[in-house]
Protein backbone atom coordinates (compact mmCIF):
# COMPACT_ATOMS: atom_id res chain seq x y z
CA UNK A 1 0.00 0.00 0.00
CA UNK A 2 1.20 3.51 -0.79
CA UNK A 3 0.78 6.82 1.04
CA UNK A 4 1.10 9.88 -1.22
CA UNK A 5 2.40 12.97 0.56
CA UNK A 6 3.81 16.43 -0.05
CA UNK A 7 6.89 17.32 1.99
CA UNK A 8 9.18 20.32 2.42
CA UNK A 9 12.95 20.35 2.48
CA UNK A 10 13.28 23.63 4.40
CA UNK A 11 16.86 24.85 4.25
CA UNK A 12 18.59 27.57 6.20
CA UNK A 13 21.45 29.74 4.87
CA UNK A 14 24.02 27.76 6.88
CA UNK A 15 23.04 24.48 5.17
CA UNK A 16 20.88 23.09 7.99
CA UNK A 17 17.60 21.39 7.12
CA UNK A 18 14.46 21.50 9.26
CA UNK A 19 13.12 18.16 10.50
CA UNK A 20 10.09 17.39 12.62
CA UNK A 21 9.01 14.53 14.86
CA UNK A 22 5.33 13.73 15.23
CA UNK A 23 3.83 13.16 18.67
CA UNK A 24 4.12 9.52 19.77
CA UNK A 25 6.86 8.65 17.25
CA UNK A 26 10.66 8.47 17.29
CA UNK A 27 11.71 9.26 13.71
CA UNK A 28 12.46 12.75 12.39
CA UNK A 29 11.29 13.66 8.88
CA UNK A 30 10.46 16.57 6.61
CA UNK A 31 7.34 18.53 7.53
CA UNK A 32 4.37 17.78 5.31
CA UNK A 33 1.57 15.28 5.02
CA UNK A 34 -0.97 13.39 2.99
CA UNK A 35 -2.36 14.86 -0.21
CA UNK A 36 -6.16 14.92 -0.05
CA UNK A 37 -8.33 13.79 -2.97
CA UNK A 38 -8.50 16.53 -5.60
CA UNK A 39 -5.67 18.48 -3.95
CA UNK A 40 -2.48 19.43 -5.77
CA UNK A 41 0.85 18.60 -4.09
CA UNK A 42 1.61 22.33 -3.63
CA UNK A 43 -1.80 22.97 -2.07
CA UNK A 44 -1.25 20.03 0.31
CA UNK A 45 2.20 21.35 1.18
CA UNK A 46 0.85 24.83 1.95
CA UNK A 47 -1.94 23.38 4.13
CA UNK A 48 0.36 21.01 6.02
CA UNK A 49 3.08 23.61 6.66
CA UNK A 50 0.49 26.00 8.05
CA UNK A 51 -1.02 23.30 10.30
CA UNK A 52 2.31 21.88 11.54
CA UNK A 53 4.51 24.99 11.78
CA UNK A 54 2.25 28.03 11.36
CA UNK A 55 4.13 28.72 8.12
CA UNK A 56 2.20 30.44 5.34
CA UNK A 57 4.09 30.04 2.06
CA UNK A 58 3.31 31.14 -1.46
CA UNK A 59 3.17 28.42 -4.11
CA UNK A 60 5.98 30.09 -6.05
CA UNK A 61 8.30 29.81 -3.00
CA UNK A 62 8.28 26.01 -3.27
CA UNK A 63 10.80 24.62 -5.78
CA UNK A 64 9.93 21.08 -6.88
CA UNK A 65 12.74 18.59 -6.24
CA UNK A 66 11.04 15.39 -7.34
CA UNK A 67 9.13 12.37 -6.16
CA UNK A 68 10.93 10.08 -3.70
CA UNK A 69 9.74 6.75 -2.27
CA UNK A 70 10.74 4.69 0.77
CA UNK A 71 9.16 2.51 3.46
CA UNK A 72 6.87 4.56 5.72
CA UNK A 73 8.39 5.36 9.13
CA UNK A 74 5.16 5.13 11.14
CA UNK A 75 2.92 2.80 9.09
CA UNK A 76 4.47 -0.70 8.88
CA UNK A 77 3.99 -2.37 5.50
CA UNK A 78 3.33 0.91 3.68
CA UNK A 79 5.43 2.75 1.14
CA UNK A 80 5.50 6.55 1.26
CA UNK A 81 5.68 8.40 -2.04
CA UNK A 82 6.64 12.04 -1.43
CA UNK A 83 6.40 15.03 -3.73
CA UNK A 84 9.29 17.01 -2.22
CA UNK A 85 9.68 20.78 -2.48
CA UNK A 86 12.67 22.90 -1.46
CA UNK A 87 12.15 26.10 0.54
CA UNK A 88 14.78 28.56 1.74
CA UNK A 89 13.94 29.97 5.20
CA UNK A 90 15.79 31.35 8.19
CA UNK A 91 12.76 31.50 10.50
CA UNK A 92 12.47 29.85 13.88
CA UNK A 93 9.55 27.45 14.00
CA UNK A 94 7.38 26.10 16.80
CA UNK A 95 5.76 22.69 16.77
CA UNK A 96 1.99 22.78 16.28
CA UNK A 97 -0.81 20.25 15.67
CA UNK A 98 0.65 16.70 15.77
CA UNK A 99 4.27 17.87 15.74
CA UNK A 100 6.13 17.24 19.01
CA UNK A 101 9.61 18.48 18.12
CA UNK A 102 11.30 20.69 15.51
CA UNK A 103 15.08 20.64 14.92
CA UNK A 104 17.57 22.15 12.47
CA UNK A 105 20.01 19.44 11.34
CA UNK A 106 23.47 19.84 9.78
CA UNK A 107 25.01 16.99 7.73
CA UNK A 108 27.36 15.98 10.57
CA UNK A 109 24.39 15.59 12.96
CA UNK A 110 22.37 13.06 10.99
CA UNK A 111 23.83 10.04 12.84
CA UNK A 112 22.64 11.52 16.14
CA UNK A 113 18.91 11.29 15.34
CA UNK A 114 16.49 8.52 14.39
CA UNK A 115 15.51 9.45 10.83
CA UNK A 116 12.59 8.25 8.71
CA UNK A 117 13.78 6.04 5.81
CA UNK A 118 12.65 8.61 3.22
CA UNK A 119 14.58 11.37 4.99
CA UNK A 120 17.70 9.30 5.67
CA UNK A 121 17.97 7.44 2.35
CA UNK A 122 16.50 9.83 -0.22
CA UNK A 123 15.87 13.44 0.79
CA UNK A 124 18.97 14.29 2.83
CA UNK A 125 21.41 12.75 0.31
CA UNK A 126 19.66 14.63 -2.53
CA UNK A 127 19.71 17.94 -0.67
CA UNK A 128 23.25 17.74 0.66
CA UNK A 129 24.60 16.51 -2.69
CA UNK A 130 23.53 19.89 -4.11
CA UNK A 131 26.16 21.42 -1.87
C-alpha atoms as a PDB file:
ATOM      1  CA  UNK A   1       0.000   0.000   0.000  1.00  0.00           C
ATOM      2  CA  UNK A   2       1.196   3.510  -0.794  1.00  0.00           C
ATOM      3  CA  UNK A   3       0.779   6.822   1.043  1.00  0.00           C
ATOM      4  CA  UNK A   4       1.096   9.877  -1.219  1.00  0.00           C
ATOM      5  CA  UNK A   5       2.397  12.975   0.562  1.00  0.00           C
ATOM      6  CA  UNK A   6       3.807  16.433  -0.053  1.00  0.00           C
ATOM      7  CA  UNK A   7       6.889  17.324   1.989  1.00  0.00           C
ATOM      8  CA  UNK A   8       9.182  20.317   2.424  1.00  0.00           C
ATOM      9  CA  UNK A   9      12.953  20.351   2.484  1.00  0.00           C
ATOM     10  CA  UNK A  10      13.278  23.626   4.397  1.00  0.00           C
ATOM     11  CA  UNK A  11      16.863  24.854   4.252  1.00  0.00           C
ATOM     12  CA  UNK A  12      18.594  27.570   6.203  1.00  0.00           C
ATOM     13  CA  UNK A  13      21.453  29.738   4.874  1.00  0.00           C
ATOM     14  CA  UNK A  14      24.018  27.763   6.882  1.00  0.00           C
ATOM     15  CA  UNK A  15      23.043  24.478   5.173  1.00  0.00           C
ATOM     16  CA  UNK A  16      20.879  23.094   7.994  1.00  0.00           C
ATOM     17  CA  UNK A  17      17.601  21.388   7.116  1.00  0.00           C
ATOM     18  CA  UNK A  18      14.456  21.502   9.257  1.00  0.00           C
ATOM     19  CA  UNK A  19      13.120  18.164  10.496  1.00  0.00           C
ATOM     20  CA  UNK A  20      10.089  17.388  12.618  1.00  0.00           C
ATOM     21  CA  UNK A  21       9.005  14.531  14.856  1.00  0.00           C
ATOM     22  CA  UNK A  22       5.335  13.731  15.228  1.00  0.00           C
ATOM     23  CA  UNK A  23       3.828  13.162  18.666  1.00  0.00           C
ATOM     24  CA  UNK A  24       4.122   9.524  19.772  1.00  0.00           C
ATOM     25  CA  UNK A  25       6.863   8.649  17.249  1.00  0.00           C
ATOM     26  CA  UNK A  26      10.658   8.465  17.294  1.00  0.00           C
ATOM     27  CA  UNK A  27      11.710   9.255  13.707  1.00  0.00           C
ATOM     28  CA  UNK A  28      12.457  12.751  12.390  1.00  0.00           C
ATOM     29  CA  UNK A  29      11.294  13.662   8.881  1.00  0.00           C
ATOM     30  CA  UNK A  30      10.462  16.568   6.615  1.00  0.00           C
ATOM     31  CA  UNK A  31       7.338  18.525   7.529  1.00  0.00           C
ATOM     32  CA  UNK A  32       4.367  17.778   5.311  1.00  0.00           C
ATOM     33  CA  UNK A  33       1.568  15.282   5.018  1.00  0.00           C
ATOM     34  CA  UNK A  34      -0.971  13.388   2.992  1.00  0.00           C
ATOM     35  CA  UNK A  35      -2.361  14.857  -0.206  1.00  0.00           C
ATOM     36  CA  UNK A  36      -6.159  14.920  -0.049  1.00  0.00           C
ATOM     37  CA  UNK A  37      -8.331  13.791  -2.974  1.00  0.00           C
ATOM     38  CA  UNK A  38      -8.503  16.532  -5.596  1.00  0.00           C
ATOM     39  CA  UNK A  39      -5.674  18.484  -3.952  1.00  0.00           C
ATOM     40  CA  UNK A  40      -2.476  19.427  -5.771  1.00  0.00           C
ATOM     41  CA  UNK A  41       0.850  18.602  -4.095  1.00  0.00           C
ATOM     42  CA  UNK A  42       1.615  22.330  -3.630  1.00  0.00           C
ATOM     43  CA  UNK A  43      -1.797  22.974  -2.067  1.00  0.00           C
ATOM     44  CA  UNK A  44      -1.252  20.031   0.306  1.00  0.00           C
ATOM     45  CA  UNK A  45       2.198  21.347   1.182  1.00  0.00           C
ATOM     46  CA  UNK A  46       0.853  24.829   1.947  1.00  0.00           C
ATOM     47  CA  UNK A  47      -1.941  23.383   4.128  1.00  0.00           C
ATOM     48  CA  UNK A  48       0.355  21.009   6.023  1.00  0.00           C
ATOM     49  CA  UNK A  49       3.084  23.612   6.656  1.00  0.00           C
ATOM     50  CA  UNK A  50       0.491  26.002   8.047  1.00  0.00           C
ATOM     51  CA  UNK A  51      -1.019  23.296  10.296  1.00  0.00           C
ATOM     52  CA  UNK A  52       2.311  21.885  11.535  1.00  0.00           C
ATOM     53  CA  UNK A  53       4.515  24.995  11.776  1.00  0.00           C
ATOM     54  CA  UNK A  54       2.251  28.028  11.365  1.00  0.00           C
ATOM     55  CA  UNK A  55       4.128  28.717   8.122  1.00  0.00           C
ATOM     56  CA  UNK A  56       2.200  30.439   5.342  1.00  0.00           C
ATOM     57  CA  UNK A  57       4.095  30.044   2.065  1.00  0.00           C
ATOM     58  CA  UNK A  58       3.305  31.142  -1.456  1.00  0.00           C
ATOM     59  CA  UNK A  59       3.165  28.422  -4.111  1.00  0.00           C
ATOM     60  CA  UNK A  60       5.981  30.093  -6.053  1.00  0.00           C
ATOM     61  CA  UNK A  61       8.302  29.811  -3.003  1.00  0.00           C
ATOM     62  CA  UNK A  62       8.276  26.009  -3.265  1.00  0.00           C
ATOM     63  CA  UNK A  63      10.799  24.622  -5.776  1.00  0.00           C
ATOM     64  CA  UNK A  64       9.927  21.085  -6.883  1.00  0.00           C
ATOM     65  CA  UNK A  65      12.745  18.595  -6.243  1.00  0.00           C
ATOM     66  CA  UNK A  66      11.041  15.391  -7.339  1.00  0.00           C
ATOM     67  CA  UNK A  67       9.131  12.367  -6.159  1.00  0.00           C
ATOM     68  CA  UNK A  68      10.932  10.085  -3.700  1.00  0.00           C
ATOM     69  CA  UNK A  69       9.739   6.747  -2.269  1.00  0.00           C
ATOM     70  CA  UNK A  70      10.739   4.691   0.773  1.00  0.00           C
ATOM     71  CA  UNK A  71       9.157   2.506   3.461  1.00  0.00           C
ATOM     72  CA  UNK A  72       6.868   4.564   5.715  1.00  0.00           C
ATOM     73  CA  UNK A  73       8.385   5.357   9.127  1.00  0.00           C
ATOM     74  CA  UNK A  74       5.163   5.126  11.144  1.00  0.00           C
ATOM     75  CA  UNK A  75       2.918   2.801   9.094  1.00  0.00           C
ATOM     76  CA  UNK A  76       4.470  -0.704   8.879  1.00  0.00           C
ATOM     77  CA  UNK A  77       3.990  -2.370   5.499  1.00  0.00           C
ATOM     78  CA  UNK A  78       3.328   0.912   3.684  1.00  0.00           C
ATOM     79  CA  UNK A  79       5.433   2.751   1.139  1.00  0.00           C
ATOM     80  CA  UNK A  80       5.496   6.548   1.260  1.00  0.00           C
ATOM     81  CA  UNK A  81       5.685   8.400  -2.041  1.00  0.00           C
ATOM     82  CA  UNK A  82       6.641  12.036  -1.433  1.00  0.00           C
ATOM     83  CA  UNK A  83       6.401  15.027  -3.729  1.00  0.00           C
ATOM     84  CA  UNK A  84       9.287  17.014  -2.222  1.00  0.00           C
ATOM     85  CA  UNK A  85       9.683  20.784  -2.481  1.00  0.00           C
ATOM     86  CA  UNK A  86      12.673  22.904  -1.464  1.00  0.00           C
ATOM     87  CA  UNK A  87      12.151  26.097   0.542  1.00  0.00           C
ATOM     88  CA  UNK A  88      14.781  28.563   1.744  1.00  0.00           C
ATOM     89  CA  UNK A  89      13.936  29.973   5.201  1.00  0.00           C
ATOM     90  CA  UNK A  90      15.785  31.348   8.188  1.00  0.00           C
ATOM     91  CA  UNK A  91      12.761  31.500  10.504  1.00  0.00           C
ATOM     92  CA  UNK A  92      12.467  29.848  13.880  1.00  0.00           C
ATOM     93  CA  UNK A  93       9.548  27.448  13.997  1.00  0.00           C
ATOM     94  CA  UNK A  94       7.381  26.103  16.796  1.00  0.00           C
ATOM     95  CA  UNK A  95       5.759  22.689  16.772  1.00  0.00           C
ATOM     96  CA  UNK A  96       1.993  22.782  16.279  1.00  0.00           C
ATOM     97  CA  UNK A  97      -0.807  20.252  15.666  1.00  0.00           C
ATOM     98  CA  UNK A  98       0.648  16.700  15.771  1.00  0.00           C
ATOM     99  CA  UNK A  99       4.274  17.874  15.744  1.00  0.00           C
ATOM    100  CA  UNK A 100       6.128  17.239  19.009  1.00  0.00           C
ATOM    101  CA  UNK A 101       9.614  18.479  18.122  1.00  0.00           C
ATOM    102  CA  UNK A 102      11.298  20.689  15.511  1.00  0.00           C
ATOM    103  CA  UNK A 103      15.079  20.636  14.917  1.00  0.00           C
ATOM    104  CA  UNK A 104      17.570  22.147  12.473  1.00  0.00           C
ATOM    105  CA  UNK A 105      20.011  19.442  11.341  1.00  0.00           C
ATOM    106  CA  UNK A 106      23.471  19.836   9.777  1.00  0.00           C
ATOM    107  CA  UNK A 107      25.014  16.993   7.733  1.00  0.00           C
ATOM    108  CA  UNK A 108      27.363  15.977  10.566  1.00  0.00           C
ATOM    109  CA  UNK A 109      24.392  15.585  12.964  1.00  0.00           C
ATOM    110  CA  UNK A 110      22.374  13.056  10.993  1.00  0.00           C
ATOM    111  CA  UNK A 111      23.832  10.041  12.839  1.00  0.00           C
ATOM    112  CA  UNK A 112      22.641  11.515  16.145  1.00  0.00           C
ATOM    113  CA  UNK A 113      18.913  11.287  15.343  1.00  0.00           C
ATOM    114  CA  UNK A 114      16.493   8.523  14.389  1.00  0.00           C
ATOM    115  CA  UNK A 115      15.507   9.452  10.825  1.00  0.00           C
ATOM    116  CA  UNK A 116      12.589   8.253   8.712  1.00  0.00           C
ATOM    117  CA  UNK A 117      13.785   6.037   5.815  1.00  0.00           C
ATOM    118  CA  UNK A 118      12.648   8.606   3.218  1.00  0.00           C
ATOM    119  CA  UNK A 119      14.580  11.374   4.990  1.00  0.00           C
ATOM    120  CA  UNK A 120      17.704   9.297   5.666  1.00  0.00           C
ATOM    121  CA  UNK A 121      17.969   7.441   2.350  1.00  0.00           C
ATOM    122  CA  UNK A 122      16.498   9.828  -0.216  1.00  0.00           C
ATOM    123  CA  UNK A 123      15.873  13.441   0.791  1.00  0.00           C
ATOM    124  CA  UNK A 124      18.972  14.292   2.832  1.00  0.00           C
ATOM    125  CA  UNK A 125      21.414  12.752   0.310  1.00  0.00           C
ATOM    126  CA  UNK A 126      19.659  14.627  -2.527  1.00  0.00           C
ATOM    127  CA  UNK A 127      19.708  17.944  -0.668  1.00  0.00           C
ATOM    128  CA  UNK A 128      23.246  17.740   0.657  1.00  0.00           C
ATOM    129  CA  UNK A 129      24.598  16.505  -2.695  1.00  0.00           C
ATOM    130  CA  UNK A 130      23.532  19.888  -4.114  1.00  0.00           C
ATOM    131  CA  UNK A 131      26.156  21.421  -1.874  1.00  0.00           C
END
